[in-house]
Amino acid sequence: MSAKAVIHLSKLDHNLDAIESRLKPGVQKMAVVKDNAYGHGVIPLANHIKNRIEWFCVARALEGKELREAGIKNPILVFEAPLAETASLYSKYNLTATVVDKNSFALLPKGTDYHINIDTGMHRLGVLPEDVSELQVEIERYSSKLKCTGIYTHFFKADDPENPEVHLQLDKFTRVRNKFPSELLTHTANTGAIFHYQDLDLQFDAVRPGVCLYGFGAGEVEVPDLEPIMDLKSFLMQIKKVKKGESVSYGGKWIAPANGYIGIIPAGYGDGIPRILTNSIQLLIGDTLYDQVGVISMDYSIVYLKENEFPTGTEVYFLKAKELKASHWAKIAKTIPYEITTGLRKRVVKEFNTL
């Protein structure tokens, strides 16, 4: 074991509490667990929350198949457009499809339920408002074969608490929504909308919490009552002396400022610790933060221990609760926490802690 990700399921419960505290009575929760629950381990997480949420949402039909084979009974919405090679999975595993244009209908097997994705400005998958009338012709054409049970859109600037685009998207969606039967399950709110737009009437029948489940707000705005559910740790494999003026790791990118000790940790970018973080992050040993030094290589990272000669095997945290957050790494790497957590590799062992 080079690195271990410890997933705290009690913190997942805490984050669900934070989500529920923002919801209006009767609003359902559609937990987004795509991409292996954002890198956290989808099956243990889904099993843990299946009785607290109504739906699961996944990116691919194959992800829905995985959940069904693990015994998950909740309704599952698949975000991707139907594909010929996986179309049979919708009926076989009772998955709800997403219709993104008129071509979606012919691919879906008889008996499939589907939701309509309306593109109100994201300009990714979805039906443009001006194409809705044409789509409605196809809905009627396939009404004996397929059943429309929901309609949704996706906000692309809801991570910004006061962005006018959210209002514009909501207005577009509402006008389209009024053209469809009232009984369709309606959902628009992602993490940003749940936490930053409670004053707008956008929760409808259900919300789709994603990254907030795992302890992060959308975008740059922190949500204080969310807690990262993943810790990432390894250990000191070797301790060695380093003299003032000596360099460490590839390219000699770090020079020791004084005589002391360095620790070699068997975890690097092959485990999902981005190389771009080199010489920019701190690691936690005990209650003290120490600088990561030298270029992060495929299999190893190095920590400057100053005058402390720790024993080999000493535990080292790369990520831990609110002290060392993936969002901090994301700022350095000019990305988002989602990319950090989904970037962890298979060789990182996952341990699920219920305490």
Protein backbone atom coordinates (compact mmCIF):
# COMPACT_ATOMS: atom_id res chain seq x y z
CA MET A 1 0.00 0.00 0.00
CA SER A 2 1.51 3.28 -1.12
CA ALA A 3 -1.42 5.56 -0.37
CA LYS A 4 -4.81 5.15 1.25
CA ALA A 5 -7.96 7.23 0.87
CA VAL A 6 -10.07 7.15 4.02
CA ILE A 7 -13.72 7.98 3.27
CA HIS A 8 -15.64 9.23 6.32
CA LEU A 9 -19.27 8.22 5.86
CA SER A 10 -20.32 10.15 8.96
CA LYS A 11 -19.20 13.32 7.18
CA LEU A 12 -21.27 12.30 4.18
CA ASP A 13 -24.25 12.17 6.55
CA HIS A 14 -23.30 15.62 7.84
CA ASN A 15 -23.24 17.00 4.28
CA LEU A 16 -26.64 15.50 3.57
CA ASP A 17 -27.91 17.30 6.67
CA ALA A 18 -26.51 20.56 5.28
CA ILE A 19 -28.24 19.95 1.95
CA GLU A 20 -31.56 19.08 3.56
CA SER A 21 -31.45 22.22 5.68
CA ARG A 22 -31.63 24.25 2.44
CA LEU A 23 -34.54 22.37 0.89
CA LYS A 24 -38.21 23.19 0.88
CA PRO A 25 -40.61 20.56 2.26
CA GLY A 26 -41.20 17.62 -0.07
CA VAL A 27 -38.25 18.28 -2.40
CA GLN A 28 -36.54 15.05 -3.41
CA LYS A 29 -32.78 14.49 -3.52
CA MET A 30 -31.12 13.04 -6.62
CA ALA A 31 -27.59 12.18 -5.51
CA VAL A 32 -25.03 12.59 -8.30
CA VAL A 33 -22.60 9.69 -7.97
CA LYS A 34 -21.06 9.73 -11.45
CA ASP A 35 -17.38 8.89 -12.04
CA ASN A 36 -17.17 6.53 -9.06
CA ALA A 37 -18.83 9.10 -6.79
CA TYR A 38 -16.32 11.78 -7.83
CA GLY A 39 -13.50 9.34 -7.05
CA HIS A 40 -14.75 8.42 -3.57
CA GLY A 41 -16.05 4.89 -4.24
CA VAL A 42 -19.58 4.65 -5.58
CA ILE A 43 -20.89 1.35 -4.22
CA PRO A 44 -20.11 1.89 -0.51
CA LEU A 45 -21.35 5.48 -0.71
CA ALA A 46 -24.53 4.57 -2.57
CA ASN A 47 -25.30 1.81 -0.09
CA HIS A 48 -24.74 4.22 2.79
CA ILE A 49 -27.15 6.91 1.56
CA LYS A 50 -29.72 4.90 -0.42
CA ASN A 51 -32.33 5.24 2.34
CA ARG A 52 -31.83 8.99 2.67
CA ILE A 53 -32.17 9.97 -0.97
CA GLU A 54 -34.79 9.23 -3.61
CA TRP A 55 -32.72 9.02 -6.81
CA PHE A 56 -29.19 8.43 -8.02
CA CYS A 57 -27.75 10.21 -11.07
CA VAL A 58 -24.91 8.84 -13.18
CA ALA A 59 -23.08 9.96 -16.28
CA ARG A 60 -23.10 6.66 -18.18
CA ALA A 61 -25.54 3.77 -18.55
CA LEU A 62 -22.73 1.41 -17.55
CA GLU A 63 -22.53 3.22 -14.21
CA GLY A 64 -26.22 2.56 -13.71
CA LYS A 65 -25.64 -1.12 -14.47
CA GLU A 66 -22.93 -1.19 -11.80
CA LEU A 67 -25.31 0.22 -9.20
CA ARG A 68 -28.05 -2.24 -10.08
CA GLU A 69 -25.68 -5.20 -9.91
CA ALA A 70 -24.65 -4.00 -6.43
CA GLY A 71 -28.29 -4.20 -5.32
CA ILE A 72 -29.31 -0.54 -5.53
CA LYS A 73 -33.09 -0.27 -6.02
CA ASN A 74 -33.53 3.53 -6.14
CA PRO A 75 -34.49 5.12 -9.47
CA ILE A 76 -31.38 5.96 -11.51
CA LEU A 77 -31.16 8.78 -14.06
CA VAL A 78 -28.49 8.54 -16.76
CA PHE A 79 -27.25 11.91 -18.02
CA GLU A 80 -25.58 10.83 -21.29
CA ALA A 81 -27.39 10.71 -24.61
CA PRO A 82 -28.52 7.18 -25.48
CA LEU A 83 -25.91 5.16 -27.36
CA ALA A 84 -26.56 2.18 -29.59
CA GLU A 85 -24.01 0.00 -27.78
CA THR A 86 -25.55 0.51 -24.34
CA ALA A 87 -29.22 1.14 -25.21
CA SER A 88 -30.33 -2.31 -24.05
CA LEU A 89 -29.15 -1.50 -20.50
CA TYR A 90 -32.02 0.93 -19.95
CA SER A 91 -34.72 -1.74 -20.05
CA LYS A 92 -32.58 -4.56 -18.65
CA TYR A 93 -31.56 -2.57 -15.55
CA ASN A 94 -34.56 -0.24 -15.27
CA LEU A 95 -32.59 2.93 -15.89
CA THR A 96 -34.19 6.27 -16.71
CA ALA A 97 -32.73 7.72 -19.90
CA THR A 98 -32.13 11.32 -20.91
CA VAL A 99 -33.50 12.58 -24.21
CA VAL A 100 -31.28 15.31 -25.63
CA ASP A 101 -32.71 15.60 -29.16
CA LYS A 102 -35.11 13.87 -31.52
CA ASN A 103 -32.51 11.21 -32.38
CA SER A 104 -32.60 9.84 -28.84
CA PHE A 105 -36.00 8.16 -29.20
CA ALA A 106 -35.14 5.60 -31.87
CA LEU A 107 -32.24 4.25 -29.79
CA LEU A 108 -34.22 3.51 -26.64
CA PRO A 109 -35.82 0.08 -26.11
CA LYS A 110 -39.55 -0.26 -25.59
CA GLY A 111 -40.68 0.40 -22.03
CA THR A 112 -37.92 2.89 -21.19
CA ASP A 113 -38.73 5.91 -19.02
CA TYR A 114 -36.93 9.12 -19.89
CA HIS A 115 -36.38 12.71 -18.77
CA ILE A 116 -35.90 15.60 -21.20
CA ASN A 117 -32.78 17.74 -20.82
CA ILE A 118 -33.50 21.33 -21.88
CA ASP A 119 -30.43 23.36 -22.87
CA THR A 120 -31.12 26.80 -21.44
CA GLY A 121 -27.60 28.18 -21.90
CA MET A 122 -25.03 25.55 -20.94
CA HIS A 123 -24.70 24.60 -24.62
CA ARG A 124 -23.68 21.08 -23.79
CA LEU A 125 -26.18 18.20 -24.13
CA GLY A 126 -29.86 19.08 -24.32
CA VAL A 127 -32.77 20.30 -26.40
CA LEU A 128 -32.67 23.98 -27.35
CA PRO A 129 -35.88 25.87 -26.49
CA GLU A 130 -36.51 26.64 -30.15
CA ASP A 131 -36.50 22.92 -30.95
CA VAL A 132 -39.04 21.92 -28.30
CA SER A 133 -42.03 21.95 -30.68
CA GLU A 134 -40.25 19.58 -33.02
CA LEU A 135 -39.36 17.37 -30.06
CA GLN A 136 -42.97 17.24 -28.91
CA VAL A 137 -43.92 15.69 -32.24
CA GLU A 138 -41.46 12.88 -31.56
CA ILE A 139 -42.69 12.50 -27.98
CA GLU A 140 -46.19 11.84 -29.28
CA ARG A 141 -44.88 9.55 -32.02
CA TYR A 142 -43.10 7.33 -29.49
CA SER A 143 -45.70 7.62 -26.71
CA SER A 144 -46.78 3.97 -27.00
CA LYS A 145 -43.20 2.76 -26.72
CA LEU A 146 -41.48 5.20 -24.33
CA LYS A 147 -42.69 7.15 -21.31
CA CYS A 148 -41.64 10.71 -20.49
CA THR A 149 -41.49 11.04 -16.70
CA GLY A 150 -39.30 14.11 -16.11
CA ILE A 151 -37.74 17.31 -17.39
CA TYR A 152 -34.65 19.23 -16.29
CA THR A 153 -31.95 21.75 -17.10
CA HIS A 154 -28.47 22.53 -15.80
CA PHE A 155 -27.23 25.89 -14.49
CA PHE A 156 -23.78 26.80 -15.71
CA LYS A 157 -23.09 29.80 -13.46
CA ALA A 158 -24.82 28.82 -10.22
CA ASP A 159 -21.43 28.64 -8.48
CA ASP A 160 -21.57 32.46 -8.51
CA PRO A 161 -24.07 33.58 -5.83
CA GLU A 162 -25.39 36.61 -7.71
CA ASN A 163 -25.11 35.78 -11.38
CA PRO A 164 -27.91 37.08 -13.64
CA GLU A 165 -27.45 34.10 -15.99
CA VAL A 166 -29.13 31.88 -13.39
CA HIS A 167 -32.24 34.07 -13.52
CA LEU A 168 -32.19 34.04 -17.33
CA GLN A 169 -31.84 30.27 -17.46
CA LEU A 170 -34.62 29.78 -14.96
CA ASP A 171 -36.90 32.03 -16.97
CA LYS A 172 -36.14 30.12 -20.19
CA PHE A 173 -36.70 26.80 -18.47
CA THR A 174 -39.98 27.88 -16.87
CA ARG A 175 -41.37 28.96 -20.21
CA VAL A 176 -40.45 25.60 -21.75
CA ARG A 177 -41.67 23.68 -18.70
CA ASN A 178 -45.14 25.21 -19.09
CA LYS A 179 -45.49 23.42 -22.45
CA PHE A 180 -45.33 19.99 -20.80
CA PRO A 181 -47.64 18.04 -18.48
CA SER A 182 -47.56 19.15 -14.85
CA GLU A 183 -46.90 15.66 -13.48
CA LEU A 184 -43.37 15.42 -14.95
CA LEU A 185 -40.67 15.29 -12.27
CA THR A 186 -38.93 18.65 -12.59
CA HIS A 187 -35.37 19.33 -11.41
CA THR A 188 -32.82 22.05 -12.07
CA ALA A 189 -30.79 22.76 -8.93
CA ASN A 190 -27.19 21.58 -8.76
CA THR A 191 -24.83 22.26 -5.83
CA GLY A 192 -24.46 25.96 -6.59
CA ALA A 193 -28.19 26.49 -6.97
CA ILE A 194 -28.97 24.60 -3.75
CA PHE A 195 -26.61 26.68 -1.63
CA HIS A 196 -26.56 30.07 -3.36
CA TYR A 197 -30.05 30.55 -4.80
CA GLN A 198 -32.51 29.63 -2.08
CA ASP A 199 -34.38 32.87 -2.79
CA LEU A 200 -35.29 31.71 -6.30
CA ASP A 201 -38.08 29.23 -7.01
CA LEU A 202 -35.81 26.68 -8.67
CA GLN A 203 -35.97 23.61 -6.44
CA PHE A 204 -39.16 22.34 -8.14
CA ASP A 205 -39.73 18.62 -7.35
CA ALA A 206 -36.11 17.58 -6.81
CA VAL A 207 -32.52 18.81 -6.60
CA ARG A 208 -29.29 17.21 -7.83
CA PRO A 209 -26.56 17.55 -5.17
CA GLY A 210 -23.19 16.64 -6.60
CA VAL A 211 -19.87 17.89 -5.28
CA CYS A 212 -21.53 19.15 -2.07
CA LEU A 213 -22.09 15.53 -1.04
CA TYR A 214 -18.34 15.12 -0.91
CA GLY A 215 -17.72 18.29 1.08
CA PHE A 216 -17.15 21.10 -1.40
CA GLY A 217 -19.10 24.10 -2.57
CA ALA A 218 -19.37 24.85 -6.26
CA GLY A 219 -16.75 27.23 -7.60
CA GLU A 220 -14.69 29.54 -5.39
CA VAL A 221 -17.30 30.16 -2.70
CA GLU A 222 -16.80 28.05 0.43
CA VAL A 223 -19.78 26.61 2.28
CA PRO A 224 -18.70 26.45 5.95
CA ASP A 225 -21.00 23.64 7.01
CA LEU A 226 -19.75 21.21 4.33
CA GLU A 227 -16.93 18.84 5.29
CA PRO A 228 -14.62 17.01 2.85
CA ILE A 229 -15.27 13.31 3.35
CA MET A 230 -11.92 12.07 2.05
CA ASP A 231 -8.53 11.94 3.78
CA LEU A 232 -5.49 10.86 1.75
CA LYS A 233 -2.54 9.44 3.61
CA SER A 234 0.70 7.52 3.17
CA PHE A 235 3.83 6.99 5.31
CA LEU A 236 7.52 7.77 5.58
CA MET A 237 9.31 4.94 3.77
CA GLN A 238 12.81 6.30 4.39
CA ILE A 239 14.35 9.12 6.44
CA LYS A 240 17.66 10.62 5.45
CA LYS A 241 19.88 13.54 6.26
CA VAL A 242 20.12 16.49 3.93
CA LYS A 243 22.78 19.19 4.14
CA LYS A 244 22.34 22.89 3.57
CA GLY A 245 22.70 23.65 -0.15
CA GLU A 246 21.91 20.13 -1.36
CA SER A 247 19.15 19.66 -3.92
CA VAL A 248 16.30 17.17 -3.83
CA SER A 249 14.56 15.17 -6.59
CA TYR A 250 14.55 15.68 -10.37
CA GLY A 251 16.06 18.86 -11.70
CA GLY A 252 17.24 20.07 -8.30
CA LYS A 253 14.15 22.29 -7.98
CA TRP A 254 14.47 22.57 -4.21
CA ILE A 255 17.59 23.39 -2.22
CA ALA A 256 17.84 22.59 1.48
CA PRO A 257 17.97 25.87 3.48
CA ALA A 258 19.71 24.18 6.42
CA ASN A 259 20.97 20.84 7.66
CA GLY A 260 18.09 18.55 8.55
CA TYR A 261 16.08 15.56 7.45
CA ILE A 262 13.84 14.65 4.54
CA GLY A 263 11.25 11.90 4.39
CA ILE A 264 10.58 9.80 1.29
CA ILE A 265 6.89 8.98 0.82
CA PRO A 266 5.80 6.18 -1.58
CA ALA A 267 3.07 8.20 -3.29
CA GLY A 268 3.30 10.42 -6.35
CA TYR A 269 1.50 11.38 -9.51
CA GLY A 270 1.01 7.69 -10.29
CA ASP A 271 -1.37 7.75 -7.33
CA GLY A 272 -3.08 10.94 -8.48
CA ILE A 273 -1.05 13.57 -6.63
CA PRO A 274 -0.58 16.20 -9.36
CA ARG A 275 3.03 16.94 -10.26
CA ILE A 276 2.14 20.62 -10.65
CA LEU A 277 1.81 20.82 -6.86
CA THR A 278 5.57 20.41 -6.51
CA ASN A 279 7.03 22.66 -3.78
CA SER A 280 3.58 24.21 -3.22
CA ILE A 281 1.73 22.10 -0.66
CA GLN A 282 2.12 21.03 2.95
CA LEU A 283 1.71 17.60 4.50
CA LEU A 284 0.52 16.78 7.99
CA ILE A 285 2.55 14.67 10.41
CA GLY A 286 1.00 14.51 13.83
CA ASP A 287 -0.25 18.02 14.52
CA THR A 288 2.39 19.81 12.45
CA LEU A 289 2.48 20.86 8.82
CA TYR A 290 5.65 20.24 6.82
CA ASP A 291 6.58 21.40 3.32
CA GLN A 292 6.52 18.99 0.42
CA VAL A 293 9.83 19.55 -1.41
CA GLY A 294 11.38 18.54 -4.69
CA VAL A 295 9.60 17.48 -7.85
CA ILE A 296 6.75 15.04 -7.20
CA SER A 297 7.65 11.95 -9.20
CA MET A 298 5.51 9.06 -10.39
CA ASP A 299 5.89 6.95 -7.27
CA TYR A 300 7.38 9.23 -4.62
CA SER A 301 7.02 12.55 -2.88
CA ILE A 302 9.46 14.13 -0.44
CA VAL A 303 8.78 16.10 2.71
CA TYR A 304 11.20 18.41 4.52
CA LEU A 305 11.23 17.44 8.17
CA LYS A 306 13.61 20.17 9.30
CA GLU A 307 15.46 18.87 12.40
CA ASN A 308 12.96 16.08 13.11
CA GLU A 309 14.15 12.52 12.56
CA PHE A 310 10.87 10.60 12.50
CA PRO A 311 10.85 6.80 12.51
CA THR A 312 10.08 5.02 9.24
CA GLY A 313 6.43 4.09 8.95
CA THR A 314 5.24 7.41 10.41
CA GLU A 315 1.85 8.36 8.98
CA VAL A 316 1.70 11.35 6.62
CA TYR A 317 -1.49 13.07 5.42
CA PHE A 318 -1.74 14.68 2.00
CA LEU A 319 -5.41 15.57 2.50
CA LYS A 320 -7.19 15.72 5.83
CA ALA A 321 -10.57 17.20 6.72
CA LYS A 322 -10.58 21.00 6.62
CA GLU A 323 -6.87 21.29 7.45
CA LEU A 324 -5.64 20.03 4.07
CA LYS A 325 -8.35 20.34 1.43
CA ALA A 326 -8.53 19.30 -2.19
CA SER A 327 -9.86 22.79 -2.91
CA HIS A 328 -6.48 24.21 -1.85
CA TRP A 329 -4.71 21.88 -4.26
CA ALA A 330 -7.19 22.92 -6.94
CA LYS A 331 -6.32 26.60 -6.55
CA ILE A 332 -2.63 25.85 -6.99
CA ALA A 333 -3.28 23.62 -9.99
CA LYS A 334 -5.79 26.10 -11.47
CA THR A 335 -8.55 23.53 -11.52
CA ILE A 336 -11.46 22.41 -9.31
CA PRO A 337 -11.68 19.90 -6.42
CA TYR A 338 -13.66 17.52 -8.64
CA GLU A 339 -10.59 16.95 -10.82
CA ILE A 340 -8.42 16.29 -7.77
CA THR A 341 -10.67 13.62 -6.25
CA THR A 342 -11.59 11.94 -9.54
CA GLY A 343 -7.88 11.86 -10.43
CA LEU A 344 -6.95 9.37 -7.71
CA ARG A 345 -5.65 6.16 -9.29
CA LYS A 346 -6.74 2.57 -8.78
CA ARG A 347 -3.70 1.70 -6.71
CA VAL A 348 -4.89 4.08 -3.97
CA VAL A 349 -6.67 1.79 -1.51
CA LYS A 350 -10.01 3.05 -0.18
CA GLU A 351 -11.09 2.52 3.41
CA PHE A 352 -14.63 3.40 4.49
CA ASN A 353 -15.00 4.70 8.02
CA THR A 354 -18.45 4.85 9.61
CA LEU A 355 -17.32 6.59 12.81
